[in-house]
Amino acid sequence: MEKSQYKSQMRTQRHKRLRSKVSGTAARPRLAVFRSNTAVYAQLIDDEAGKTLGAADSRKEAKGTLVEKSKLVGANIAKMAVEAKITEVVFDRGGFRYQGTIAALADAAREGGLKF
């Protein structure tokens, strides 16, 4: 097994373990984050209804580092949530470590008015 396959498989296992404990509702949706090499994606998900309430990604953002783009994504998703009268969310880091782009997105979402 190649190193990249192993890393991906381990992240998937961490995400499954995390998702067994984390679930979103209409009042407190799940803020799911995915990070690729080039972009960061965030979604507000109501798991009970199986619906996405809002989404933001860094592909539309201006040039900059991935950390800078993730800060903008965090601010955008927080603004979207506040407009939908959502103040509390459950954070789903997607099996990624809470550092770098994931931490920057979370901090920006907190600054935007979300509680988690």
N, C-alpha and C. Protein backbone atom coordinates (compact mmCIF):
# COMPACT_ATOMS: atom_id res chain seq x y z
N MET A 1 0.84 -1.18 0.00
CA MET A 1 0.00 0.00 0.00
C MET A 1 0.89 1.24 0.00
N GLU A 2 0.59 2.18 -0.89
CA GLU A 2 1.36 3.41 -0.96
C GLU A 2 1.04 4.32 0.22
N LYS A 3 1.95 5.23 0.47
CA LYS A 3 1.78 6.14 1.60
C LYS A 3 0.53 7.00 1.45
N SER A 4 0.25 7.49 0.24
CA SER A 4 -0.91 8.35 0.03
C SER A 4 -2.21 7.58 0.26
N GLN A 5 -2.24 6.31 -0.14
CA GLN A 5 -3.43 5.48 0.08
C GLN A 5 -3.62 5.25 1.58
N TYR A 6 -2.52 5.01 2.28
CA TYR A 6 -2.58 4.76 3.72
C TYR A 6 -3.08 6.00 4.45
N LYS A 7 -2.55 7.17 4.09
CA LYS A 7 -2.96 8.41 4.74
C LYS A 7 -4.46 8.66 4.52
N SER A 8 -4.91 8.43 3.30
CA SER A 8 -6.32 8.63 2.98
C SER A 8 -7.20 7.65 3.75
N GLN A 9 -6.76 6.42 3.84
CA GLN A 9 -7.53 5.40 4.56
C GLN A 9 -7.61 5.73 6.05
N MET A 10 -6.53 6.19 6.62
CA MET A 10 -6.52 6.56 8.04
C MET A 10 -7.42 7.76 8.30
N ARG A 11 -7.41 8.75 7.40
CA ARG A 11 -8.30 9.91 7.56
C ARG A 11 -9.75 9.47 7.51
N THR A 12 -10.07 8.56 6.60
CA THR A 12 -11.43 8.04 6.49
C THR A 12 -11.85 7.33 7.77
N GLN A 13 -10.96 6.57 8.36
CA GLN A 13 -11.28 5.89 9.62
C GLN A 13 -11.51 6.89 10.74
N ARG A 14 -10.66 7.93 10.82
CA ARG A 14 -10.85 8.97 11.84
C ARG A 14 -12.19 9.67 11.65
N HIS A 15 -12.54 9.94 10.38
CA HIS A 15 -13.79 10.63 10.10
C HIS A 15 -14.99 9.76 10.50
N LYS A 16 -14.95 8.48 10.22
CA LYS A 16 -16.04 7.58 10.62
C LYS A 16 -16.20 7.55 12.14
N ARG A 17 -15.07 7.51 12.84
CA ARG A 17 -15.10 7.49 14.30
C ARG A 17 -15.70 8.79 14.82
N LEU A 18 -15.33 9.91 14.21
CA LEU A 18 -15.84 11.22 14.61
C LEU A 18 -17.34 11.33 14.33
N ARG A 19 -17.77 10.83 13.14
CA ARG A 19 -19.17 10.94 12.74
C ARG A 19 -20.09 10.07 13.58
N SER A 20 -19.55 9.04 14.24
CA SER A 20 -20.39 8.22 15.10
C SER A 20 -20.83 8.99 16.34
N LYS A 21 -20.11 10.07 16.65
CA LYS A 21 -20.39 10.87 17.84
C LYS A 21 -21.02 12.23 17.52
N VAL A 22 -20.90 12.66 16.27
CA VAL A 22 -21.32 14.02 15.88
C VAL A 22 -22.48 13.94 14.90
N SER A 23 -23.57 14.67 15.20
CA SER A 23 -24.71 14.72 14.29
C SER A 23 -25.33 16.11 14.37
N GLY A 24 -25.84 16.59 13.25
CA GLY A 24 -26.43 17.91 13.21
C GLY A 24 -27.94 17.87 13.19
N THR A 25 -28.55 18.92 13.73
CA THR A 25 -30.01 19.07 13.71
C THR A 25 -30.33 20.39 13.03
N ALA A 26 -31.62 20.68 12.89
CA ALA A 26 -32.02 21.94 12.27
C ALA A 26 -31.61 23.12 13.16
N ALA A 27 -31.74 22.95 14.48
CA ALA A 27 -31.39 24.02 15.41
C ALA A 27 -29.87 24.15 15.57
N ARG A 28 -29.17 23.02 15.48
CA ARG A 28 -27.72 23.02 15.64
C ARG A 28 -27.09 22.14 14.57
N PRO A 29 -26.92 22.69 13.35
CA PRO A 29 -26.41 21.89 12.24
C PRO A 29 -24.93 21.55 12.40
N ARG A 30 -24.50 20.61 11.60
CA ARG A 30 -23.10 20.18 11.59
C ARG A 30 -22.33 21.02 10.59
N LEU A 31 -21.23 21.61 11.05
CA LEU A 31 -20.33 22.36 10.17
C LEU A 31 -19.25 21.40 9.70
N ALA A 32 -19.45 20.83 8.51
CA ALA A 32 -18.53 19.84 7.95
C ALA A 32 -17.47 20.53 7.11
N VAL A 33 -16.22 20.16 7.32
CA VAL A 33 -15.10 20.78 6.62
C VAL A 33 -14.34 19.71 5.85
N PHE A 34 -13.97 20.04 4.61
CA PHE A 34 -13.10 19.17 3.81
C PHE A 34 -11.98 20.02 3.25
N ARG A 35 -10.78 19.45 3.28
CA ARG A 35 -9.60 20.15 2.79
C ARG A 35 -8.93 19.30 1.74
N SER A 36 -8.65 19.91 0.59
CA SER A 36 -7.85 19.24 -0.43
C SER A 36 -6.52 19.99 -0.53
N ASN A 37 -5.69 19.60 -1.47
CA ASN A 37 -4.41 20.29 -1.63
C ASN A 37 -4.59 21.71 -2.14
N THR A 38 -5.69 21.98 -2.83
CA THR A 38 -5.87 23.28 -3.47
C THR A 38 -7.04 24.09 -2.92
N ALA A 39 -7.95 23.48 -2.17
CA ALA A 39 -9.15 24.21 -1.75
C ALA A 39 -9.65 23.72 -0.39
N VAL A 40 -10.52 24.54 0.21
CA VAL A 40 -11.18 24.20 1.47
C VAL A 40 -12.68 24.37 1.26
N TYR A 41 -13.45 23.41 1.74
CA TYR A 41 -14.90 23.43 1.58
C TYR A 41 -15.56 23.34 2.95
N ALA A 42 -16.69 24.03 3.14
CA ALA A 42 -17.44 23.97 4.39
C ALA A 42 -18.93 23.91 4.07
N GLN A 43 -19.65 23.09 4.84
CA GLN A 43 -21.09 22.95 4.66
C GLN A 43 -21.78 22.96 6.00
N LEU A 44 -22.98 23.54 6.04
CA LEU A 44 -23.87 23.42 7.20
C LEU A 44 -24.89 22.36 6.86
N ILE A 45 -24.93 21.27 7.63
CA ILE A 45 -25.76 20.12 7.29
C ILE A 45 -26.72 19.78 8.42
N ASP A 46 -27.98 19.60 8.06
CA ASP A 46 -29.00 19.08 8.98
C ASP A 46 -29.10 17.59 8.71
N ASP A 47 -28.52 16.77 9.58
CA ASP A 47 -28.48 15.33 9.37
C ASP A 47 -29.84 14.66 9.55
N GLU A 48 -30.71 15.23 10.38
CA GLU A 48 -32.03 14.64 10.58
C GLU A 48 -32.86 14.70 9.31
N ALA A 49 -32.82 15.84 8.62
CA ALA A 49 -33.58 16.00 7.38
C ALA A 49 -32.76 15.58 6.17
N GLY A 50 -31.45 15.43 6.33
CA GLY A 50 -30.58 15.07 5.21
C GLY A 50 -30.43 16.20 4.21
N LYS A 51 -30.35 17.44 4.71
CA LYS A 51 -30.26 18.60 3.83
C LYS A 51 -29.06 19.46 4.15
N THR A 52 -28.50 20.07 3.11
CA THR A 52 -27.44 21.05 3.28
C THR A 52 -28.08 22.42 3.38
N LEU A 53 -27.80 23.12 4.46
CA LEU A 53 -28.40 24.43 4.70
C LEU A 53 -27.59 25.56 4.08
N GLY A 54 -26.31 25.33 3.87
CA GLY A 54 -25.46 26.35 3.26
C GLY A 54 -24.09 25.77 2.99
N ALA A 55 -23.39 26.36 2.03
CA ALA A 55 -22.06 25.87 1.69
C ALA A 55 -21.17 27.02 1.23
N ALA A 56 -19.88 26.87 1.45
CA ALA A 56 -18.90 27.85 0.99
C ALA A 56 -17.61 27.10 0.65
N ASP A 57 -16.87 27.64 -0.31
CA ASP A 57 -15.59 27.02 -0.65
C ASP A 57 -14.60 28.09 -1.08
N SER A 58 -13.34 27.70 -1.13
CA SER A 58 -12.27 28.66 -1.40
C SER A 58 -11.94 28.78 -2.88
N ARG A 59 -12.61 28.05 -3.74
CA ARG A 59 -12.29 28.11 -5.17
C ARG A 59 -12.62 29.46 -5.77
N LYS A 60 -13.59 30.17 -5.21
CA LYS A 60 -14.00 31.47 -5.74
C LYS A 60 -13.18 32.63 -5.16
N GLU A 61 -12.39 32.34 -4.13
CA GLU A 61 -11.67 33.39 -3.42
C GLU A 61 -10.47 33.88 -4.23
N ALA A 62 -10.00 35.07 -3.88
CA ALA A 62 -8.85 35.66 -4.56
C ALA A 62 -7.58 34.88 -4.23
N LYS A 63 -6.49 35.29 -4.83
CA LYS A 63 -5.22 34.61 -4.60
C LYS A 63 -4.78 34.77 -3.15
N GLY A 64 -4.01 33.82 -2.71
CA GLY A 64 -3.48 33.83 -1.35
C GLY A 64 -3.16 32.41 -0.94
N THR A 65 -2.64 32.27 0.28
CA THR A 65 -2.34 30.94 0.76
C THR A 65 -3.64 30.23 1.13
N LEU A 66 -3.55 28.94 1.32
CA LEU A 66 -4.73 28.16 1.66
C LEU A 66 -5.28 28.55 3.03
N VAL A 67 -4.39 28.94 3.94
CA VAL A 67 -4.83 29.39 5.27
C VAL A 67 -5.62 30.68 5.15
N GLU A 68 -5.15 31.61 4.32
CA GLU A 68 -5.87 32.88 4.12
C GLU A 68 -7.23 32.62 3.49
N LYS A 69 -7.27 31.72 2.51
CA LYS A 69 -8.54 31.39 1.87
C LYS A 69 -9.50 30.72 2.85
N SER A 70 -8.97 29.87 3.74
CA SER A 70 -9.84 29.19 4.68
C SER A 70 -10.44 30.16 5.70
N LYS A 71 -9.72 31.23 6.01
CA LYS A 71 -10.28 32.27 6.89
C LYS A 71 -11.48 32.92 6.22
N LEU A 72 -11.38 33.19 4.92
CA LEU A 72 -12.50 33.78 4.19
C LEU A 72 -13.68 32.82 4.13
N VAL A 73 -13.40 31.52 3.94
CA VAL A 73 -14.48 30.53 3.90
C VAL A 73 -15.18 30.47 5.26
N GLY A 74 -14.40 30.50 6.35
CA GLY A 74 -14.99 30.50 7.69
C GLY A 74 -15.87 31.70 7.94
N ALA A 75 -15.42 32.87 7.49
CA ALA A 75 -16.21 34.08 7.65
C ALA A 75 -17.49 34.02 6.80
N ASN A 76 -17.37 33.49 5.58
CA ASN A 76 -18.54 33.38 4.70
C ASN A 76 -19.58 32.42 5.25
N ILE A 77 -19.15 31.28 5.76
CA ILE A 77 -20.10 30.30 6.28
C ILE A 77 -20.76 30.82 7.55
N ALA A 78 -20.01 31.59 8.36
CA ALA A 78 -20.59 32.18 9.57
C ALA A 78 -21.63 33.23 9.20
N LYS A 79 -21.33 34.05 8.19
CA LYS A 79 -22.29 35.06 7.74
C LYS A 79 -23.56 34.40 7.22
N MET A 80 -23.39 33.31 6.46
CA MET A 80 -24.52 32.58 5.93
C MET A 80 -25.39 31.99 7.05
N ALA A 81 -24.72 31.48 8.09
CA ALA A 81 -25.45 30.88 9.21
C ALA A 81 -26.20 31.94 10.01
N VAL A 82 -25.57 33.07 10.24
CA VAL A 82 -26.21 34.13 11.02
C VAL A 82 -27.43 34.68 10.26
N GLU A 83 -27.33 34.77 8.93
CA GLU A 83 -28.48 35.21 8.13
C GLU A 83 -29.63 34.21 8.23
N ALA A 84 -29.31 32.92 8.39
CA ALA A 84 -30.33 31.89 8.54
C ALA A 84 -30.74 31.72 10.00
N LYS A 85 -30.30 32.63 10.89
CA LYS A 85 -30.61 32.63 12.31
C LYS A 85 -30.09 31.38 13.02
N ILE A 86 -28.90 30.95 12.62
CA ILE A 86 -28.24 29.82 13.27
C ILE A 86 -27.03 30.38 14.01
N THR A 87 -26.97 30.14 15.33
CA THR A 87 -25.85 30.65 16.12
C THR A 87 -24.96 29.54 16.66
N GLU A 88 -25.50 28.33 16.81
CA GLU A 88 -24.71 27.21 17.33
C GLU A 88 -24.60 26.11 16.30
N VAL A 89 -23.42 25.55 16.19
CA VAL A 89 -23.17 24.44 15.26
C VAL A 89 -22.35 23.37 15.96
N VAL A 90 -22.30 22.20 15.34
CA VAL A 90 -21.42 21.12 15.78
C VAL A 90 -20.30 21.04 14.76
N PHE A 91 -19.06 21.11 15.21
CA PHE A 91 -17.92 21.16 14.28
C PHE A 91 -17.48 19.75 13.91
N ASP A 92 -17.43 19.49 12.60
CA ASP A 92 -16.96 18.21 12.07
C ASP A 92 -15.71 18.49 11.24
N ARG A 93 -14.56 18.15 11.79
CA ARG A 93 -13.29 18.46 11.13
C ARG A 93 -12.95 17.47 10.04
N GLY A 94 -13.78 16.47 9.81
CA GLY A 94 -13.62 15.57 8.69
C GLY A 94 -12.44 14.62 8.78
N GLY A 95 -11.97 14.35 10.00
CA GLY A 95 -10.83 13.46 10.16
C GLY A 95 -9.49 14.14 10.00
N PHE A 96 -9.51 15.43 9.72
CA PHE A 96 -8.26 16.18 9.58
C PHE A 96 -7.80 16.66 10.95
N ARG A 97 -6.51 16.90 11.10
CA ARG A 97 -6.00 17.45 12.34
C ARG A 97 -6.50 18.88 12.51
N TYR A 98 -6.72 19.27 13.77
CA TYR A 98 -7.17 20.63 14.06
C TYR A 98 -5.94 21.54 14.10
N GLN A 99 -5.47 21.90 12.91
CA GLN A 99 -4.32 22.79 12.78
C GLN A 99 -4.36 23.42 11.40
N GLY A 100 -3.60 24.46 11.19
CA GLY A 100 -3.49 25.07 9.88
C GLY A 100 -4.81 25.56 9.32
N THR A 101 -5.19 25.02 8.16
CA THR A 101 -6.38 25.50 7.46
C THR A 101 -7.66 25.21 8.24
N ILE A 102 -7.73 24.05 8.89
CA ILE A 102 -8.94 23.68 9.63
C ILE A 102 -9.12 24.62 10.83
N ALA A 103 -8.04 24.86 11.56
CA ALA A 103 -8.10 25.76 12.72
C ALA A 103 -8.41 27.20 12.29
N ALA A 104 -7.84 27.63 11.17
CA ALA A 104 -8.10 28.99 10.68
C ALA A 104 -9.57 29.16 10.31
N LEU A 105 -10.15 28.16 9.65
CA LEU A 105 -11.56 28.21 9.29
C LEU A 105 -12.42 28.26 10.54
N ALA A 106 -12.11 27.42 11.52
CA ALA A 106 -12.89 27.38 12.76
C ALA A 106 -12.81 28.71 13.51
N ASP A 107 -11.63 29.28 13.61
CA ASP A 107 -11.46 30.56 14.31
C ASP A 107 -12.22 31.68 13.61
N ALA A 108 -12.18 31.69 12.28
CA ALA A 108 -12.91 32.72 11.53
C ALA A 108 -14.42 32.54 11.70
N ALA A 109 -14.89 31.31 11.76
CA ALA A 109 -16.32 31.06 11.96
C ALA A 109 -16.75 31.52 13.35
N ARG A 110 -15.89 31.30 14.34
CA ARG A 110 -16.19 31.77 15.71
C ARG A 110 -16.25 33.30 15.75
N GLU A 111 -15.29 33.94 15.09
CA GLU A 111 -15.28 35.40 15.04
C GLU A 111 -16.50 35.94 14.33
N GLY A 112 -17.05 35.16 13.37
CA GLY A 112 -18.23 35.56 12.63
C GLY A 112 -19.53 35.39 13.40
N GLY A 113 -19.47 34.79 14.59
CA GLY A 113 -20.66 34.69 15.43
C GLY A 113 -21.15 33.28 15.71
N LEU A 114 -20.47 32.25 15.23
CA LEU A 114 -20.88 30.89 15.50
C LEU A 114 -20.29 30.40 16.82
N LYS A 115 -21.06 29.57 17.52
CA LYS A 115 -20.59 28.99 18.78
C LYS A 115 -20.45 27.49 18.61
N PHE A 116 -19.27 26.98 18.95
CA PHE A 116 -19.02 25.54 18.98
C PHE A 116 -17.79 25.24 19.79
